[in-house]
Amino acid sequence: MKECLLIILSYLYGSIPFALVIGKVFYKTDVRQHGSGNLGGSNVGRVLGKPAGIACIVLDASKAFLVMFVCKYFVIHYNLIPDFYYLCAFACVIGHCFPIFAGFKGGKAVSTAIGYFFAINPLGAVLSLVIFFIVLKLSKYVSLSSCIASGTVLIFSPLLNLSMLGTIATWGIVLLLIYRHKSNFINIKNKTERKITWM
C-alpha cells in the first residue's frame, strides 16, 4: 500500500507542468500555443527567452532527482521493497511526459532524465552531458543529441552496478525519452527539424 502511494505521488509530482506554470504566471503566455508546443525547457527558452528556459530545465531536472532521494528515505526507514525508489523515479518521468495536470501532453523527458542520471551516478551524468554537447556541436539538433547522450547511459549501465529495479527503471526512462522524440527523427529525415544557432 505504501509503495502504491509513493508511485502515485511520484507521478503527480512529475505531472507538474513547470513550463506551463512559468509561461502563464510570469509571462502570461501558454507555451503550448507557440514554437513546437512542447512543454519542455527547449521550447520555453525558444518562446520566452533563456532565463525562462533555464528555470524550466532546472525545475524539470529536479523532479526525478528529488523523487529518488525522498523515496529512498521512505524505502530505508519504513522497510519498503528494496530499491523501490527507482520505480518511483520512473513514475515521475512518466508523469512529466503524460501529465494529468496538462491533458496528458507533456515534455519529452530530457531534463527529467538528466536529474535521474545525476541521482544514480553524477559522474556518468556529466559524461553524458559532454557527449550531448559534442553531438550538438556537430549536428545542431537538440533532439538527436539528447537521444544519443541518453543512449550512452544504457551502454555503460552494466558498470553502474544497478539493481534489477534500477536497471528496469533506467532502460524504461531512456527508451521512453527516445520514443518521445520519434517525430523529431522524422523531421530530421525530412530535413525540417530546427537546428540551434547559438553553437
N, C-alpha and C. Protein backbone atom coordinates (compact mmCIF):
# COMPACT_ATOMS: atom_id res chain seq x y z
N MET A 1 0.83 -1.21 0.00
CA MET A 1 0.00 0.00 0.00
C MET A 1 0.86 1.26 0.00
N LYS A 2 1.91 1.25 0.83
CA LYS A 2 2.79 2.41 0.90
C LYS A 2 3.53 2.61 -0.43
N GLU A 3 3.93 1.48 -1.03
CA GLU A 3 4.61 1.57 -2.32
C GLU A 3 3.69 2.17 -3.38
N CYS A 4 2.44 1.77 -3.38
CA CYS A 4 1.46 2.32 -4.35
C CYS A 4 1.29 3.82 -4.15
N LEU A 5 1.26 4.24 -2.90
CA LEU A 5 1.10 5.67 -2.60
C LEU A 5 2.31 6.45 -3.10
N LEU A 6 3.51 5.90 -2.91
CA LEU A 6 4.72 6.57 -3.38
C LEU A 6 4.73 6.69 -4.91
N ILE A 7 4.28 5.63 -5.58
CA ILE A 7 4.22 5.67 -7.04
C ILE A 7 3.27 6.76 -7.51
N ILE A 8 2.11 6.84 -6.89
CA ILE A 8 1.10 7.85 -7.27
C ILE A 8 1.62 9.25 -7.02
N LEU A 9 2.21 9.47 -5.85
CA LEU A 9 2.74 10.80 -5.52
C LEU A 9 3.89 11.18 -6.44
N SER A 10 4.71 10.22 -6.81
CA SER A 10 5.83 10.48 -7.73
C SER A 10 5.31 10.88 -9.10
N TYR A 11 4.28 10.16 -9.55
CA TYR A 11 3.67 10.50 -10.84
C TYR A 11 3.07 11.90 -10.80
N LEU A 12 2.38 12.23 -9.72
CA LEU A 12 1.73 13.54 -9.61
C LEU A 12 2.76 14.66 -9.56
N TYR A 13 3.87 14.44 -8.86
CA TYR A 13 4.91 15.46 -8.82
C TYR A 13 5.52 15.64 -10.21
N GLY A 14 5.74 14.53 -10.89
CA GLY A 14 6.27 14.62 -12.26
C GLY A 14 5.30 15.30 -13.20
N SER A 15 4.01 15.26 -12.87
CA SER A 15 2.97 15.84 -13.72
C SER A 15 2.88 17.36 -13.64
N ILE A 16 3.56 17.95 -12.66
CA ILE A 16 3.51 19.42 -12.55
C ILE A 16 4.16 20.02 -13.79
N PRO A 17 3.41 20.74 -14.63
CA PRO A 17 3.96 21.29 -15.87
C PRO A 17 4.65 22.64 -15.64
N PHE A 18 5.89 22.58 -15.19
CA PHE A 18 6.61 23.82 -14.87
C PHE A 18 6.69 24.76 -16.06
N ALA A 19 6.78 24.20 -17.26
CA ALA A 19 6.82 25.05 -18.46
C ALA A 19 5.55 25.87 -18.59
N LEU A 20 4.43 25.23 -18.30
CA LEU A 20 3.14 25.90 -18.38
C LEU A 20 3.00 26.92 -17.26
N VAL A 21 3.44 26.55 -16.06
CA VAL A 21 3.36 27.45 -14.91
C VAL A 21 4.20 28.70 -15.13
N ILE A 22 5.44 28.51 -15.56
CA ILE A 22 6.33 29.66 -15.80
C ILE A 22 5.75 30.57 -16.87
N GLY A 23 5.26 29.98 -17.94
CA GLY A 23 4.71 30.77 -19.04
C GLY A 23 3.49 31.58 -18.63
N LYS A 24 2.55 30.93 -17.95
CA LYS A 24 1.29 31.61 -17.60
C LYS A 24 1.45 32.58 -16.44
N VAL A 25 2.22 32.21 -15.43
CA VAL A 25 2.35 33.05 -14.23
C VAL A 25 3.23 34.27 -14.48
N PHE A 26 4.35 34.07 -15.13
CA PHE A 26 5.32 35.16 -15.27
C PHE A 26 5.29 35.86 -16.63
N TYR A 27 4.75 35.20 -17.65
CA TYR A 27 4.78 35.79 -18.99
C TYR A 27 3.39 35.89 -19.63
N LYS A 28 2.38 35.42 -18.91
CA LYS A 28 1.01 35.43 -19.44
C LYS A 28 0.93 34.77 -20.81
N THR A 29 1.71 33.70 -20.96
CA THR A 29 1.79 33.02 -22.25
C THR A 29 1.65 31.51 -22.07
N ASP A 30 0.84 30.91 -22.91
CA ASP A 30 0.70 29.46 -22.92
C ASP A 30 1.68 28.92 -23.96
N VAL A 31 2.79 28.34 -23.51
CA VAL A 31 3.83 27.91 -24.44
C VAL A 31 3.37 26.80 -25.36
N ARG A 32 2.25 26.17 -25.02
CA ARG A 32 1.74 25.11 -25.90
C ARG A 32 1.22 25.68 -27.22
N GLN A 33 0.98 26.97 -27.25
CA GLN A 33 0.46 27.62 -28.45
C GLN A 33 1.55 28.31 -29.25
N HIS A 34 2.80 28.08 -28.88
CA HIS A 34 3.91 28.74 -29.57
C HIS A 34 5.05 27.75 -29.80
N GLY A 35 5.89 28.07 -30.76
CA GLY A 35 7.04 27.22 -31.05
C GLY A 35 6.60 25.81 -31.42
N SER A 36 7.25 24.83 -30.79
CA SER A 36 6.91 23.43 -31.05
C SER A 36 5.67 22.99 -30.29
N GLY A 37 5.25 23.82 -29.32
CA GLY A 37 4.10 23.46 -28.50
C GLY A 37 4.44 22.50 -27.38
N ASN A 38 5.70 22.14 -27.28
CA ASN A 38 6.14 21.16 -26.29
C ASN A 38 6.33 21.81 -24.92
N LEU A 39 5.94 21.08 -23.87
CA LEU A 39 6.11 21.59 -22.50
C LEU A 39 7.48 21.19 -21.97
N GLY A 40 8.51 21.73 -22.59
CA GLY A 40 9.87 21.43 -22.18
C GLY A 40 10.74 22.66 -22.17
N GLY A 41 11.92 22.54 -21.60
CA GLY A 41 12.82 23.67 -21.46
C GLY A 41 13.25 24.30 -22.78
N SER A 42 13.46 23.46 -23.79
CA SER A 42 13.91 23.99 -25.09
C SER A 42 12.86 24.92 -25.70
N ASN A 43 11.62 24.49 -25.67
CA ASN A 43 10.56 25.32 -26.24
C ASN A 43 10.32 26.57 -25.40
N VAL A 44 10.41 26.42 -24.08
CA VAL A 44 10.25 27.58 -23.20
C VAL A 44 11.33 28.60 -23.48
N GLY A 45 12.57 28.15 -23.63
CA GLY A 45 13.66 29.06 -23.94
C GLY A 45 13.50 29.73 -25.28
N ARG A 46 12.98 28.96 -26.24
CA ARG A 46 12.78 29.50 -27.58
C ARG A 46 11.67 30.55 -27.59
N VAL A 47 10.62 30.32 -26.81
CA VAL A 47 9.45 31.21 -26.82
C VAL A 47 9.58 32.37 -25.84
N LEU A 48 10.09 32.07 -24.64
CA LEU A 48 10.09 33.07 -23.56
C LEU A 48 11.47 33.64 -23.25
N GLY A 49 12.51 33.04 -23.80
CA GLY A 49 13.85 33.54 -23.54
C GLY A 49 14.68 32.58 -22.68
N LYS A 50 15.99 32.79 -22.67
CA LYS A 50 16.90 31.89 -21.97
C LYS A 50 16.65 31.76 -20.48
N PRO A 51 16.42 32.87 -19.74
CA PRO A 51 16.18 32.72 -18.29
C PRO A 51 15.02 31.79 -17.99
N ALA A 52 13.93 31.95 -18.72
CA ALA A 52 12.77 31.10 -18.51
C ALA A 52 13.08 29.65 -18.88
N GLY A 53 13.82 29.47 -19.96
CA GLY A 53 14.19 28.13 -20.40
C GLY A 53 15.06 27.43 -19.38
N ILE A 54 16.04 28.15 -18.85
CA ILE A 54 16.95 27.57 -17.85
C ILE A 54 16.18 27.21 -16.58
N ALA A 55 15.29 28.11 -16.16
CA ALA A 55 14.48 27.84 -14.96
C ALA A 55 13.64 26.59 -15.15
N CYS A 56 13.06 26.43 -16.33
CA CYS A 56 12.24 25.25 -16.62
C CYS A 56 13.08 23.98 -16.61
N ILE A 57 14.26 24.04 -17.21
CA ILE A 57 15.15 22.87 -17.25
C ILE A 57 15.55 22.44 -15.85
N VAL A 58 15.90 23.42 -15.01
CA VAL A 58 16.32 23.11 -13.63
C VAL A 58 15.17 22.50 -12.85
N LEU A 59 13.98 23.09 -12.97
CA LEU A 59 12.82 22.58 -12.23
C LEU A 59 12.43 21.19 -12.70
N ASP A 60 12.46 20.98 -14.02
CA ASP A 60 12.12 19.65 -14.55
C ASP A 60 13.16 18.61 -14.13
N ALA A 61 14.44 19.01 -14.12
CA ALA A 61 15.50 18.09 -13.72
C ALA A 61 15.38 17.72 -12.24
N SER A 62 14.85 18.66 -11.45
CA SER A 62 14.72 18.40 -10.01
C SER A 62 13.66 17.34 -9.72
N LYS A 63 12.76 17.10 -10.65
CA LYS A 63 11.68 16.16 -10.40
C LYS A 63 12.18 14.77 -10.02
N ALA A 64 12.82 14.09 -10.94
CA ALA A 64 13.27 12.73 -10.68
C ALA A 64 14.39 12.71 -9.64
N PHE A 65 15.20 13.76 -9.62
CA PHE A 65 16.29 13.85 -8.66
C PHE A 65 15.75 13.84 -7.23
N LEU A 66 14.78 14.69 -6.96
CA LEU A 66 14.18 14.76 -5.63
C LEU A 66 13.39 13.51 -5.29
N VAL A 67 12.67 13.01 -6.26
CA VAL A 67 11.88 11.79 -6.03
C VAL A 67 12.79 10.64 -5.60
N MET A 68 13.94 10.51 -6.26
CA MET A 68 14.87 9.44 -5.91
C MET A 68 15.26 9.51 -4.44
N PHE A 69 15.63 10.70 -3.97
CA PHE A 69 16.14 10.82 -2.61
C PHE A 69 15.03 10.79 -1.56
N VAL A 70 13.91 11.40 -1.86
CA VAL A 70 12.80 11.38 -0.90
C VAL A 70 12.26 9.96 -0.76
N CYS A 71 12.05 9.29 -1.87
CA CYS A 71 11.51 7.92 -1.81
C CYS A 71 12.54 6.94 -1.23
N LYS A 72 13.81 7.21 -1.46
CA LYS A 72 14.85 6.36 -0.87
C LYS A 72 14.78 6.43 0.65
N TYR A 73 14.51 7.61 1.18
CA TYR A 73 14.36 7.79 2.62
C TYR A 73 13.23 6.91 3.15
N PHE A 74 12.09 6.94 2.46
CA PHE A 74 10.94 6.15 2.90
C PHE A 74 11.21 4.65 2.76
N VAL A 75 11.88 4.26 1.69
CA VAL A 75 12.20 2.85 1.49
C VAL A 75 13.07 2.33 2.63
N ILE A 76 14.06 3.11 3.02
CA ILE A 76 15.00 2.69 4.06
C ILE A 76 14.36 2.70 5.44
N HIS A 77 13.63 3.76 5.75
CA HIS A 77 13.12 3.94 7.10
C HIS A 77 11.77 3.26 7.37
N TYR A 78 11.11 2.82 6.31
CA TYR A 78 9.81 2.16 6.51
C TYR A 78 9.81 0.73 5.97
N ASN A 79 11.02 0.23 5.71
CA ASN A 79 11.20 -1.18 5.29
C ASN A 79 10.33 -1.55 4.08
N LEU A 80 10.38 -0.71 3.07
CA LEU A 80 9.64 -0.99 1.84
C LEU A 80 10.48 -1.87 0.93
N ILE A 81 9.95 -2.18 -0.24
CA ILE A 81 10.68 -3.02 -1.20
C ILE A 81 12.04 -2.39 -1.50
N PRO A 82 13.13 -3.13 -1.37
CA PRO A 82 14.46 -2.57 -1.63
C PRO A 82 14.57 -1.97 -3.03
N ASP A 83 15.19 -0.80 -3.10
CA ASP A 83 15.42 -0.11 -4.38
C ASP A 83 14.14 0.31 -5.09
N PHE A 84 13.04 0.33 -4.36
CA PHE A 84 11.76 0.70 -4.97
C PHE A 84 11.76 2.13 -5.48
N TYR A 85 12.65 2.97 -4.95
CA TYR A 85 12.71 4.37 -5.36
C TYR A 85 13.05 4.53 -6.83
N TYR A 86 13.68 3.54 -7.43
CA TYR A 86 13.96 3.61 -8.87
C TYR A 86 12.65 3.63 -9.67
N LEU A 87 11.72 2.80 -9.26
CA LEU A 87 10.43 2.76 -9.95
C LEU A 87 9.65 4.06 -9.70
N CYS A 88 9.85 4.66 -8.54
CA CYS A 88 9.21 5.95 -8.26
C CYS A 88 9.73 7.01 -9.22
N ALA A 89 11.04 6.99 -9.47
CA ALA A 89 11.63 7.94 -10.42
C ALA A 89 11.08 7.72 -11.82
N PHE A 90 10.91 6.45 -12.19
CA PHE A 90 10.32 6.12 -13.49
C PHE A 90 8.90 6.67 -13.58
N ALA A 91 8.13 6.50 -12.50
CA ALA A 91 6.76 7.03 -12.47
C ALA A 91 6.76 8.54 -12.60
N CYS A 92 7.76 9.19 -12.01
CA CYS A 92 7.89 10.65 -12.09
C CYS A 92 8.12 11.08 -13.53
N VAL A 93 9.00 10.36 -14.23
CA VAL A 93 9.29 10.68 -15.63
C VAL A 93 8.05 10.47 -16.50
N ILE A 94 7.32 9.41 -16.23
CA ILE A 94 6.07 9.16 -16.96
C ILE A 94 5.10 10.32 -16.74
N GLY A 95 5.05 10.80 -15.49
CA GLY A 95 4.20 11.94 -15.18
C GLY A 95 4.60 13.18 -15.95
N HIS A 96 5.90 13.38 -16.11
CA HIS A 96 6.38 14.53 -16.88
C HIS A 96 5.95 14.43 -18.35
N CYS A 97 6.03 13.24 -18.89
CA CYS A 97 5.68 13.04 -20.31
C CYS A 97 4.17 13.03 -20.54
N PHE A 98 3.45 12.48 -19.57
CA PHE A 98 1.99 12.38 -19.70
C PHE A 98 1.32 12.94 -18.43
N PRO A 99 1.41 14.26 -18.26
CA PRO A 99 0.92 14.90 -17.02
C PRO A 99 -0.60 14.98 -16.93
N ILE A 100 -1.12 14.53 -15.82
CA ILE A 100 -2.56 14.61 -15.60
C ILE A 100 -3.02 16.06 -15.51
N PHE A 101 -2.12 16.96 -15.14
CA PHE A 101 -2.47 18.36 -14.98
C PHE A 101 -2.41 19.15 -16.28
N ALA A 102 -2.03 18.51 -17.37
CA ALA A 102 -1.93 19.21 -18.66
C ALA A 102 -2.45 18.35 -19.79
N GLY A 103 -3.54 17.64 -19.52
CA GLY A 103 -4.17 16.85 -20.57
C GLY A 103 -3.32 15.71 -21.09
N PHE A 104 -2.39 15.21 -20.25
CA PHE A 104 -1.52 14.08 -20.60
C PHE A 104 -0.61 14.39 -21.79
N LYS A 105 -0.37 15.68 -22.03
CA LYS A 105 0.55 16.08 -23.11
C LYS A 105 1.67 16.92 -22.49
N GLY A 106 2.79 16.25 -22.22
CA GLY A 106 3.87 16.92 -21.53
C GLY A 106 5.15 17.02 -22.33
N GLY A 107 6.27 17.04 -21.60
CA GLY A 107 7.57 17.19 -22.24
C GLY A 107 8.11 15.87 -22.76
N LYS A 108 9.38 15.91 -23.16
CA LYS A 108 9.99 14.73 -23.78
C LYS A 108 11.01 14.06 -22.88
N ALA A 109 11.00 14.44 -21.62
CA ALA A 109 11.75 13.74 -20.56
C ALA A 109 13.24 14.01 -20.52
N VAL A 110 13.75 14.91 -21.33
CA VAL A 110 15.19 15.14 -21.37
C VAL A 110 15.70 15.68 -20.04
N SER A 111 15.15 16.79 -19.58
CA SER A 111 15.61 17.40 -18.32
C SER A 111 15.36 16.47 -17.14
N THR A 112 14.19 15.85 -17.12
CA THR A 112 13.85 14.95 -16.02
C THR A 112 14.79 13.75 -15.99
N ALA A 113 15.15 13.25 -17.15
CA ALA A 113 16.09 12.13 -17.23
C ALA A 113 17.47 12.55 -16.74
N ILE A 114 17.87 13.77 -17.06
CA ILE A 114 19.17 14.28 -16.59
C ILE A 114 19.20 14.28 -15.05
N GLY A 115 18.11 14.73 -14.45
CA GLY A 115 18.02 14.72 -12.99
C GLY A 115 18.15 13.31 -12.44
N TYR A 116 17.53 12.36 -13.11
CA TYR A 116 17.61 10.95 -12.70
C TYR A 116 19.05 10.44 -12.83
N PHE A 117 19.70 10.77 -13.95
CA PHE A 117 21.08 10.32 -14.16
C PHE A 117 22.01 10.85 -13.07
N PHE A 118 21.81 12.11 -12.69
CA PHE A 118 22.64 12.70 -11.64
C PHE A 118 22.39 12.01 -10.30
N ALA A 119 21.17 11.55 -10.09
CA ALA A 119 20.84 10.89 -8.83
C ALA A 119 21.49 9.51 -8.73
N ILE A 120 21.59 8.79 -9.86
CA ILE A 120 22.14 7.44 -9.79
C ILE A 120 23.66 7.43 -9.95
N ASN A 121 24.20 8.39 -10.72
CA ASN A 121 25.64 8.43 -10.92
C ASN A 121 26.05 9.80 -11.47
N PRO A 122 26.47 10.73 -10.61
CA PRO A 122 26.83 12.08 -11.05
C PRO A 122 27.90 12.11 -12.14
N LEU A 123 28.92 11.27 -11.99
CA LEU A 123 29.99 11.25 -12.99
C LEU A 123 29.46 10.79 -14.34
N GLY A 124 28.65 9.75 -14.32
CA GLY A 124 28.06 9.28 -15.57
C GLY A 124 27.17 10.32 -16.21
N ALA A 125 26.46 11.09 -15.38
CA ALA A 125 25.60 12.16 -15.89
C ALA A 125 26.43 13.25 -16.55
N VAL A 126 27.56 13.59 -15.94
CA VAL A 126 28.44 14.60 -16.52
C VAL A 126 28.99 14.13 -17.87
N LEU A 127 29.38 12.86 -17.93
CA LEU A 127 29.91 12.31 -19.19
C LEU A 127 28.83 12.32 -20.28
N SER A 128 27.60 12.02 -19.90
CA SER A 128 26.51 12.04 -20.89
C SER A 128 26.26 13.46 -21.37
N LEU A 129 26.42 14.45 -20.48
CA LEU A 129 26.27 15.84 -20.90
C LEU A 129 27.38 16.26 -21.85
N VAL A 130 28.58 15.76 -21.60
CA VAL A 130 29.70 16.06 -22.51
C VAL A 130 29.40 15.50 -23.89
N ILE A 131 28.90 14.27 -23.94
CA ILE A 131 28.53 13.67 -25.22
C ILE A 131 27.41 14.47 -25.88
N PHE A 132 26.45 14.91 -25.06
CA PHE A 132 25.34 15.73 -25.58
C PHE A 132 25.87 16.95 -26.31
N PHE A 133 26.78 17.68 -25.69
CA PHE A 133 27.27 18.92 -26.29
C PHE A 133 28.18 18.66 -27.49
N ILE A 134 28.89 17.54 -27.47
CA ILE A 134 29.71 17.20 -28.64
C ILE A 134 28.82 16.92 -29.86
N VAL A 135 27.79 16.09 -29.65
CA VAL A 135 26.87 15.78 -30.74
C VAL A 135 26.12 17.03 -31.17
N LEU A 136 25.75 17.88 -30.20
CA LEU A 136 25.04 19.11 -30.52
C LEU A 136 25.91 20.03 -31.36
N LYS A 137 27.19 20.11 -31.02
CA LYS A 137 28.12 20.94 -31.79
C LYS A 137 28.22 20.46 -33.23
N LEU A 138 28.20 19.15 -33.42
CA LEU A 138 28.36 18.58 -34.75
C LEU A 138 27.08 18.58 -35.56
N SER A 139 25.94 18.31 -34.90
CA SER A 139 24.68 18.14 -35.63
C SER A 139 23.75 19.35 -35.58
N LYS A 140 23.83 20.12 -34.48
CA LYS A 140 22.94 21.27 -34.23
C LYS A 140 21.51 20.83 -33.87
N TYR A 141 21.32 19.53 -33.67
CA TYR A 141 19.99 19.04 -33.32
C TYR A 141 19.94 18.69 -31.82
N VAL A 142 19.09 19.37 -31.07
CA VAL A 142 18.94 19.09 -29.65
C VAL A 142 18.35 17.69 -29.45
N SER A 143 17.37 17.35 -30.26
CA SER A 143 16.69 16.06 -30.12
C SER A 143 17.65 14.89 -30.33
N LEU A 144 18.44 14.94 -31.40
CA LEU A 144 19.39 13.87 -31.69
C LEU A 144 20.45 13.77 -30.60
N SER A 145 20.93 14.92 -30.14
CA SER A 145 21.96 14.95 -29.10
C SER A 145 21.43 14.36 -27.81
N SER A 146 20.18 14.66 -27.48
CA SER A 146 19.57 14.15 -26.25
C SER A 146 19.45 12.63 -26.28
N CYS A 147 19.02 12.11 -27.41
CA CYS A 147 18.81 10.66 -27.52
C CYS A 147 20.14 9.90 -27.51
N ILE A 148 21.14 10.42 -28.21
CA ILE A 148 22.44 9.74 -28.24
C ILE A 148 23.09 9.79 -26.86
N ALA A 149 23.03 10.94 -26.20
CA ALA A 149 23.62 11.07 -24.87
C ALA A 149 22.93 10.13 -23.87
N SER A 150 21.61 10.03 -23.96
CA SER A 150 20.87 9.13 -23.07
C SER A 150 21.17 7.68 -23.40
N GLY A 151 21.34 7.39 -24.67
CA GLY A 151 21.66 6.03 -25.08
C GLY A 151 22.99 5.55 -24.52
N THR A 152 23.94 6.47 -24.34
CA THR A 152 25.24 6.08 -23.78
C THR A 152 25.09 5.60 -22.34
N VAL A 153 24.07 6.10 -21.66
CA VAL A 153 23.81 5.65 -20.29
C VAL A 153 23.49 4.16 -20.29
N LEU A 154 22.73 3.71 -21.29
CA LEU A 154 22.40 2.27 -21.39
C LEU A 154 23.65 1.45 -21.69
N ILE A 155 24.52 1.99 -22.53
CA ILE A 155 25.74 1.28 -22.90
C ILE A 155 26.62 1.02 -21.67
N PHE A 156 26.70 2.05 -20.82
CA PHE A 156 27.57 1.94 -19.65
C PHE A 156 26.83 1.50 -18.39
N SER A 157 25.53 1.23 -18.51
CA SER A 157 24.74 0.84 -17.34
C SER A 157 25.29 -0.39 -16.60
N PRO A 158 25.88 -1.39 -17.31
CA PRO A 158 26.45 -2.53 -16.57
C PRO A 158 27.54 -2.12 -15.59
N LEU A 159 28.19 -0.98 -15.86
CA LEU A 159 29.27 -0.51 -14.98
C LEU A 159 28.74 0.21 -13.75
N LEU A 160 27.44 0.50 -13.74
CA LEU A 160 26.86 1.25 -12.63
C LEU A 160 26.42 0.35 -11.47
N ASN A 161 26.48 -0.95 -11.68
CA ASN A 161 26.09 -1.91 -10.65
C ASN A 161 24.68 -1.65 -10.12
N LEU A 162 23.76 -1.41 -11.03
CA LEU A 162 22.38 -1.15 -10.64
C LEU A 162 21.68 -2.45 -10.27
N SER A 163 20.71 -2.34 -9.38
CA SER A 163 19.89 -3.49 -9.04
C SER A 163 18.96 -3.80 -10.21
N MET A 164 18.19 -4.87 -10.09
CA MET A 164 17.25 -5.20 -11.16
C MET A 164 16.24 -4.07 -11.36
N LEU A 165 15.71 -3.52 -10.26
CA LEU A 165 14.74 -2.43 -10.37
C LEU A 165 15.41 -1.19 -10.95
N GLY A 166 16.66 -0.95 -10.57
CA GLY A 166 17.39 0.19 -11.12
C GLY A 166 17.62 0.05 -12.61
N THR A 167 17.94 -1.15 -13.04
CA THR A 167 18.15 -1.41 -14.47
C THR A 167 16.85 -1.24 -15.25
N ILE A 168 15.76 -1.77 -14.71
CA ILE A 168 14.45 -1.65 -15.37
C ILE A 168 14.06 -0.20 -15.51
N ALA A 169 14.23 0.57 -14.42
CA ALA A 169 13.86 1.99 -14.45
C ALA A 169 14.72 2.77 -15.44
N THR A 170 16.02 2.49 -15.45
CA THR A 170 16.93 3.21 -16.34
C THR A 170 16.61 2.94 -17.81
N TRP A 171 16.42 1.67 -18.13
CA TRP A 171 16.05 1.32 -19.50
C TRP A 171 14.69 1.93 -19.87
N GLY A 172 13.75 1.87 -18.94
CA GLY A 172 12.42 2.43 -19.21
C GLY A 172 12.47 3.92 -19.48
N ILE A 173 13.25 4.64 -18.68
CA ILE A 173 13.35 6.10 -18.85
C ILE A 173 14.00 6.47 -20.17
N VAL A 174 15.10 5.79 -20.50
CA VAL A 174 15.81 6.11 -21.75
C VAL A 174 14.97 5.75 -22.97
N LEU A 175 14.34 4.59 -22.95
CA LEU A 175 13.51 4.18 -24.09
C LEU A 175 12.30 5.09 -24.24
N LEU A 176 11.73 5.54 -23.12
CA LEU A 176 10.61 6.48 -23.19
C LEU A 176 11.07 7.80 -23.79
N LEU A 177 12.25 8.25 -23.38
CA LEU A 177 12.80 9.50 -23.93
C LEU A 177 12.98 9.39 -25.44
N ILE A 178 13.56 8.29 -25.89
CA ILE A 178 13.77 8.11 -27.33
C ILE A 178 12.43 8.03 -28.06
N TYR A 179 11.47 7.30 -27.48
CA TYR A 179 10.15 7.19 -28.09
C TYR A 179 9.49 8.55 -28.22
N ARG A 180 9.64 9.40 -27.24
CA ARG A 180 9.02 10.72 -27.26
C ARG A 180 9.62 11.61 -28.36
N HIS A 181 10.76 11.22 -28.88
CA HIS A 181 11.41 12.01 -29.93
C HIS A 181 11.18 11.44 -31.33
N LYS A 182 10.25 10.52 -31.46
CA LYS A 182 10.05 9.87 -32.77
C LYS A 182 9.69 10.87 -33.85
N SER A 183 8.90 11.89 -33.51
CA SER A 183 8.54 12.90 -34.52
C SER A 183 9.75 13.73 -34.92
N ASN A 184 10.68 13.92 -33.99
CA ASN A 184 11.90 14.67 -34.31
C ASN A 184 12.77 13.91 -35.31
N PHE A 185 12.82 12.59 -35.16
CA PHE A 185 13.60 11.79 -36.11
C PHE A 185 13.00 11.86 -37.50
N ILE A 186 11.68 11.89 -37.57
CA ILE A 186 11.02 12.04 -38.88
C ILE A 186 11.36 13.40 -39.48
N ASN A 187 11.37 14.43 -38.63
CA ASN A 187 11.71 15.77 -39.10
C ASN A 187 13.17 15.84 -39.58
N ILE A 188 14.05 15.15 -38.85
CA ILE A 188 15.46 15.13 -39.26
C ILE A 188 15.60 14.46 -40.62
N LYS A 189 14.88 13.35 -40.79
CA LYS A 189 14.91 12.63 -42.07
C LYS A 189 14.40 13.52 -43.20
N ASN A 190 13.36 14.31 -42.90
CA ASN A 190 12.76 15.19 -43.92
C ASN A 190 13.45 16.54 -44.00
N LYS A 191 14.48 16.71 -43.17
CA LYS A 191 15.26 17.96 -43.11
C LYS A 191 14.40 19.16 -42.73
N THR A 192 13.44 18.92 -41.83
CA THR A 192 12.59 20.01 -41.35
C THR A 192 12.78 20.27 -39.86
N GLU A 193 13.67 19.52 -39.23
CA GLU A 193 13.94 19.69 -37.81
C GLU A 193 14.71 21.00 -37.59
N ARG A 194 14.34 21.74 -36.55
CA ARG A 194 15.01 23.00 -36.25
C ARG A 194 16.43 22.75 -35.74
N LYS A 195 17.37 23.55 -36.21
CA LYS A 195 18.74 23.50 -35.73
C LYS A 195 19.01 24.69 -34.82
N ILE A 196 19.88 24.47 -33.84
CA ILE A 196 20.24 25.58 -32.96
C ILE A 196 21.17 26.54 -33.72
N THR A 197 21.22 27.76 -33.27
CA THR A 197 22.06 28.75 -33.92
C THR A 197 23.11 29.34 -32.95
N TRP A 198 23.03 28.92 -31.67
CA TRP A 198 23.92 29.53 -30.68
C TRP A 198 25.21 28.74 -30.46
N MET A 199 25.42 27.66 -31.21
CA MET A 199 26.66 26.87 -31.06
C MET A 199 27.24 26.55 -32.44
